[in-house]
C-alpha atoms as a PDB file:
ATOM      1  CA  UNK A   1     -40.278 193.060 -50.912  1.00  0.00           C
ATOM      2  CA  UNK A   2     -40.227 191.529 -47.236  1.00  0.00           C
ATOM      3  CA  UNK A   3     -37.744 188.533 -47.070  1.00  0.00           C
ATOM      4  CA  UNK A   4     -39.476 185.468 -44.941  1.00  0.00           C
ATOM      5  CA  UNK A   5     -35.787 183.792 -44.091  1.00  0.00           C
ATOM      6  CA  UNK A   6     -34.780 187.205 -42.508  1.00  0.00           C
ATOM      7  CA  UNK A   7     -33.620 185.939 -39.002  1.00  0.00           C
ATOM      8  CA  UNK A   8     -33.200 189.226 -36.922  1.00  0.00           C
ATOM      9  CA  UNK A   9     -31.382 192.478 -36.624  1.00  0.00           C
ATOM     10  CA  UNK A  10     -30.377 191.765 -32.759  1.00  0.00           C
ATOM     11  CA  UNK A  11     -29.718 188.983 -30.805  1.00  0.00           C
ATOM     12  CA  UNK A  12     -32.210 190.452 -27.302  1.00  0.00           C
ATOM     13  CA  UNK A  13     -34.765 188.409 -29.131  1.00  0.00           C
ATOM     14  CA  UNK A  14     -33.662 185.534 -29.385  1.00  0.00           C
ATOM     15  CA  UNK A  15     -34.855 182.391 -26.679  1.00  0.00           C
ATOM     16  CA  UNK A  16     -32.312 180.857 -25.608  1.00  0.00           C
ATOM     17  CA  UNK A  17     -33.517 176.740 -25.728  1.00  0.00           C
ATOM     18  CA  UNK A  18     -32.686 173.461 -25.091  1.00  0.00           C
ATOM     19  CA  UNK A  19     -32.539 171.777 -28.822  1.00  0.00           C
ATOM     20  CA  UNK A  20     -35.291 169.318 -27.852  1.00  0.00           C
ATOM     21  CA  UNK A  21     -37.308 171.684 -27.444  1.00  0.00           C
ATOM     22  CA  UNK A  22     -37.425 172.454 -30.553  1.00  0.00           C
ATOM     23  CA  UNK A  23     -40.428 171.345 -32.462  1.00  0.00           C
ATOM     24  CA  UNK A  24     -43.882 172.590 -34.351  1.00  0.00           C
ATOM     25  CA  UNK A  25     -45.026 174.722 -31.056  1.00  0.00           C
ATOM     26  CA  UNK A  26     -41.775 177.358 -31.949  1.00  0.00           C
ATOM     27  CA  UNK A  27     -43.116 178.195 -35.576  1.00  0.00           C
ATOM     28  CA  UNK A  28     -41.336 181.616 -35.708  1.00  0.00           C
ATOM     29  CA  UNK A  29     -39.791 181.966 -32.792  1.00  0.00           C
ATOM     30  CA  UNK A  30     -36.090 182.915 -32.930  1.00  0.00           C
ATOM     31  CA  UNK A  31     -34.133 180.829 -31.042  1.00  0.00           C
ATOM     32  CA  UNK A  32     -30.492 180.461 -29.834  1.00  0.00           C
ATOM     33  CA  UNK A  33     -29.020 177.280 -29.133  1.00  0.00           C
ATOM     34  CA  UNK A  34     -26.327 174.854 -28.271  1.00  0.00           C
ATOM     35  CA  UNK A  35     -25.709 171.743 -30.848  1.00  0.00           C
ATOM     36  CA  UNK A  36     -23.323 169.184 -32.324  1.00  0.00           C
ATOM     37  CA  UNK A  37     -22.667 168.908 -36.462  1.00  0.00           C
ATOM     38  CA  UNK A  38     -24.160 165.617 -36.994  1.00  0.00           C
ATOM     39  CA  UNK A  39     -24.426 165.357 -41.333  1.00  0.00           C
ATOM     40  CA  UNK A  40     -24.135 167.650 -44.168  1.00  0.00           C
ATOM     41  CA  UNK A  41     -25.805 168.547 -47.132  1.00  0.00           C
ATOM     42  CA  UNK A  42     -23.545 170.250 -50.325  1.00  0.00           C
ATOM     43  CA  UNK A  43     -24.859 174.008 -50.657  1.00  0.00           C
ATOM     44  CA  UNK A  44     -28.152 175.044 -52.949  1.00  0.00           C
ATOM     45  CA  UNK A  45     -27.755 178.427 -54.753  1.00  0.00           C
ATOM     46  CA  UNK A  46     -31.963 179.180 -54.635  1.00  0.00           C
ATOM     47  CA  UNK A  47     -33.823 182.054 -56.852  1.00  0.00           C
ATOM     48  CA  UNK A  48     -34.857 183.771 -53.941  1.00  0.00           C
ATOM     49  CA  UNK A  49     -36.948 186.238 -55.925  1.00  0.00           C
ATOM     50  CA  UNK A  50     -37.633 185.438 -59.556  1.00  0.00           C
ATOM     51  CA  UNK A  51     -38.096 188.291 -62.226  1.00  0.00           C
ATOM     52  CA  UNK A  52     -39.864 187.749 -65.476  1.00  0.00           C
ATOM     53  CA  UNK A  53     -40.474 188.384 -68.344  1.00  0.00           C
ATOM     54  CA  UNK A  54     -43.548 188.125 -70.653  1.00  0.00           C
ATOM     55  CA  UNK A  55     -42.793 186.312 -74.363  1.00  0.00           C
ATOM     56  CA  UNK A  56     -45.757 188.474 -75.923  1.00  0.00           C
ATOM     57  CA  UNK A  57     -45.830 192.156 -74.324  1.00  0.00           C
ATOM     58  CA  UNK A  58     -42.244 192.374 -72.998  1.00  0.00           C
ATOM     59  CA  UNK A  59     -44.012 193.218 -69.691  1.00  0.00           C
ATOM     60  CA  UNK A  60     -41.879 192.859 -65.948  1.00  0.00           C
ATOM     61  CA  UNK A  61     -43.624 190.746 -63.403  1.00  0.00           C
ATOM     62  CA  UNK A  62     -40.773 190.076 -60.523  1.00  0.00           C
ATOM     63  CA  UNK A  63     -42.268 187.150 -57.904  1.00  0.00           C
ATOM     64  CA  UNK A  64     -40.785 186.104 -54.649  1.00  0.00           C
ATOM     65  CA  UNK A  65     -40.199 182.252 -54.664  1.00  0.00           C
ATOM     66  CA  UNK A  66     -39.886 179.830 -51.692  1.00  0.00           C
ATOM     67  CA  UNK A  67     -36.354 178.426 -51.431  1.00  0.00           C
ATOM     68  CA  UNK A  68     -37.476 175.356 -49.606  1.00  0.00           C
ATOM     69  CA  UNK A  69     -38.670 174.199 -53.103  1.00  0.00           C
ATOM     70  CA  UNK A  70     -36.936 171.996 -55.903  1.00  0.00           C
ATOM     71  CA  UNK A  71     -36.525 174.535 -59.253  1.00  0.00           C
ATOM     72  CA  UNK A  72     -39.039 177.952 -59.383  1.00  0.00           C
ATOM     73  CA  UNK A  73     -42.409 179.318 -59.988  1.00  0.00           C
ATOM     74  CA  UNK A  74     -43.417 181.569 -63.221  1.00  0.00           C
ATOM     75  CA  UNK A  75     -45.803 183.798 -62.974  1.00  0.00           C
ATOM     76  CA  UNK A  76     -49.554 181.996 -64.008  1.00  0.00           C
ATOM     77  CA  UNK A  77     -50.628 184.893 -66.826  1.00  0.00           C
ATOM     78  CA  UNK A  78     -49.905 188.442 -68.602  1.00  0.00           C
ATOM     79  CA  UNK A  79     -51.673 190.645 -66.003  1.00  0.00           C
ATOM     80  CA  UNK A  80     -51.228 192.932 -69.038  1.00  0.00           C
ATOM     81  CA  UNK A  81     -52.164 190.948 -72.991  1.00  0.00           C
ATOM     82  CA  UNK A  82     -52.912 187.016 -70.999  1.00  0.00           C
ATOM     83  CA  UNK A  83     -49.808 185.198 -72.262  1.00  0.00           C
ATOM     84  CA  UNK A  84     -48.623 182.447 -70.591  1.00  0.00           C
ATOM     85  CA  UNK A  85     -44.790 181.721 -71.401  1.00  0.00           C
ATOM     86  CA  UNK A  86     -41.788 183.845 -69.722  1.00  0.00           C
ATOM     87  CA  UNK A  87     -38.446 184.115 -69.469  1.00  0.00           C
ATOM     88  CA  UNK A  88     -36.046 183.929 -66.414  1.00  0.00           C
ATOM     89  CA  UNK A  89     -34.099 187.348 -66.495  1.00  0.00           C
ATOM     90  CA  UNK A  90     -31.299 186.395 -64.247  1.00  0.00           C
ATOM     91  CA  UNK A  91     -29.278 189.108 -64.319  1.00  0.00           C
ATOM     92  CA  UNK A  92     -32.374 191.074 -62.357  1.00  0.00           C
ATOM     93  CA  UNK A  93     -32.936 188.198 -60.397  1.00  0.00           C
ATOM     94  CA  UNK A  94     -31.715 187.661 -56.864  1.00  0.00           C
ATOM     95  CA  UNK A  95     -30.353 184.360 -55.508  1.00  0.00           C
ATOM     96  CA  UNK A  96     -29.322 182.735 -52.729  1.00  0.00           C
ATOM     97  CA  UNK A  97     -27.394 180.212 -50.650  1.00  0.00           C
ATOM     98  CA  UNK A  98     -28.554 177.777 -48.609  1.00  0.00           C
ATOM     99  CA  UNK A  99     -26.843 174.093 -46.951  1.00  0.00           C
ATOM    100  CA  UNK A 100     -28.547 171.760 -44.965  1.00  0.00           C
ATOM    101  CA  UNK A 101     -26.756 170.823 -41.411  1.00  0.00           C
ATOM    102  CA  UNK A 102     -28.319 168.000 -38.929  1.00  0.00           C
ATOM    103  CA  UNK A 103     -27.619 169.181 -36.121  1.00  0.00           C
ATOM    104  CA  UNK A 104     -28.070 167.231 -32.289  1.00  0.00           C
ATOM    105  CA  UNK A 105     -27.331 166.165 -28.943  1.00  0.00           C
ATOM    106  CA  UNK A 106     -24.760 164.362 -27.696  1.00  0.00           C
ATOM    107  CA  UNK A 107     -27.065 162.337 -24.688  1.00  0.00           C
ATOM    108  CA  UNK A 108     -30.188 162.192 -27.415  1.00  0.00           C
ATOM    109  CA  UNK A 109     -31.170 160.800 -30.297  1.00  0.00           C
ATOM    110  CA  UNK A 110     -33.225 163.355 -31.893  1.00  0.00           C
ATOM    111  CA  UNK A 111     -31.913 165.666 -34.865  1.00  0.00           C
ATOM    112  CA  UNK A 112     -32.820 168.576 -36.171  1.00  0.00           C
ATOM    113  CA  UNK A 113     -32.469 169.862 -39.979  1.00  0.00           C
ATOM    114  CA  UNK A 114     -30.628 173.741 -39.924  1.00  0.00           C
ATOM    115  CA  UNK A 115     -31.048 175.542 -42.797  1.00  0.00           C
ATOM    116  CA  UNK A 116     -28.141 178.155 -42.904  1.00  0.00           C
ATOM    117  CA  UNK A 117     -28.397 181.054 -45.287  1.00  0.00           C
ATOM    118  CA  UNK A 118     -26.400 183.325 -47.256  1.00  0.00           C
ATOM    119  CA  UNK A 119     -23.730 182.175 -45.008  1.00  0.00           C
ATOM    120  CA  UNK A 120     -20.307 182.995 -46.135  1.00  0.00           C
ATOM    121  CA  UNK A 121     -18.375 179.983 -46.055  1.00  0.00           C
ATOM    122  CA  UNK A 122     -19.560 176.571 -46.949  1.00  0.00           C
ATOM    123  CA  UNK A 123     -19.634 174.488 -44.354  1.00  0.00           C
ATOM    124  CA  UNK A 124     -17.901 171.136 -44.631  1.00  0.00           C
ATOM    125  CA  UNK A 125     -16.552 168.250 -42.631  1.00  0.00           C
ATOM    126  CA  UNK A 126     -14.055 169.841 -40.610  1.00  0.00           C
ATOM    127  CA  UNK A 127     -17.280 170.571 -38.160  1.00  0.00           C
ATOM    128  CA  UNK A 128     -18.494 167.252 -37.913  1.00  0.00           C
ATOM    129  CA  UNK A 129     -18.583 165.914 -34.604  1.00  0.00           C
ATOM    130  CA  UNK A 130     -18.497 170.239 -33.384  1.00  0.00           C
ATOM    131  CA  UNK A 131     -20.382 171.970 -31.575  1.00  0.00           C
ATOM    132  CA  UNK A 132     -21.488 174.988 -32.753  1.00  0.00           C
ATOM    133  CA  UNK A 133     -24.379 177.614 -31.313  1.00  0.00           C
ATOM    134  CA  UNK A 134     -26.671 178.151 -33.409  1.00  0.00           C
ATOM    135  CA  UNK A 135     -29.036 181.718 -33.962  1.00  0.00           C
ATOM    136  CA  UNK A 136     -32.215 181.091 -35.868  1.00  0.00           C
ATOM    137  CA  UNK A 137     -36.082 181.330 -36.512  1.00  0.00           C
ATOM    138  CA  UNK A 138     -38.136 177.912 -36.186  1.00  0.00           C
ATOM    139  CA  UNK A 139     -40.631 177.613 -39.879  1.00  0.00           C
ATOM    140  CA  UNK A 140     -42.171 174.680 -40.968  1.00  0.00           C
ATOM    141  CA  UNK A 141     -41.703 173.798 -44.419  1.00  0.00           C
ATOM    142  CA  UNK A 142     -43.491 171.005 -46.481  1.00  0.00           C
ATOM    143  CA  UNK A 143     -41.146 168.667 -48.117  1.00  0.00           C
ATOM    144  CA  UNK A 144     -42.756 165.634 -50.734  1.00  0.00           C
ATOM    145  CA  UNK A 145     -46.419 166.664 -48.946  1.00  0.00           C
ATOM    146  CA  UNK A 146     -45.357 166.461 -45.066  1.00  0.00           C
ATOM    147  CA  UNK A 147     -44.381 168.843 -43.125  1.00  0.00           C
ATOM    148  CA  UNK A 148     -41.254 168.737 -41.446  1.00  0.00           C
ATOM    149  CA  UNK A 149     -39.415 171.393 -38.743  1.00  0.00           C
ATOM    150  CA  UNK A 150     -36.427 173.318 -39.813  1.00  0.00           C
ATOM    151  CA  UNK A 151     -34.428 176.039 -38.284  1.00  0.00           C
ATOM    152  CA  UNK A 152     -33.346 178.556 -40.203  1.00  0.00           C
ATOM    153  CA  UNK A 153     -30.166 180.158 -39.477  1.00  0.00           C
ATOM    154  CA  UNK A 154     -27.929 183.129 -40.643  1.00  0.00           C
ATOM    155  CA  UNK A 155     -25.728 183.093 -37.986  1.00  0.00           C
ATOM    156  CA  UNK A 156     -23.331 180.846 -35.432  1.00  0.00           C
ATOM    157  CA  UNK A 157     -20.482 180.337 -33.895  1.00  0.00           C
END
């Protein structure tokens, strides 16, 4: 399964950019920028790849998930028996931790939402107001029938 949220394997591919220039015209670009942390949300555990079993014939179905949506999607119909009832197999599914932060620039009113994925540390309030160097990929996510430009990040310093 390909992971739509894997960012990059080497820093050479990144484009250094001013935070105020990051918008929807840069979708799928890998970026490197400096920003001040202005807001932090609580981390969330999200289903990344769901493994489901049909409640009738016990056929196993694997379904990649959109980690930006609330809840999760399950298969619509079993390809084996036509059943529409499934159970999530927790110990065979994969999960990820995400945390949204808001980043800005001191001389600009523009704020940028950054989604930190699979960070080894929880980002807490002690980083508020601090400048961080962020490496990530610009993506567009749908939130309540509107689109939002977000940088998905797995690395920062």
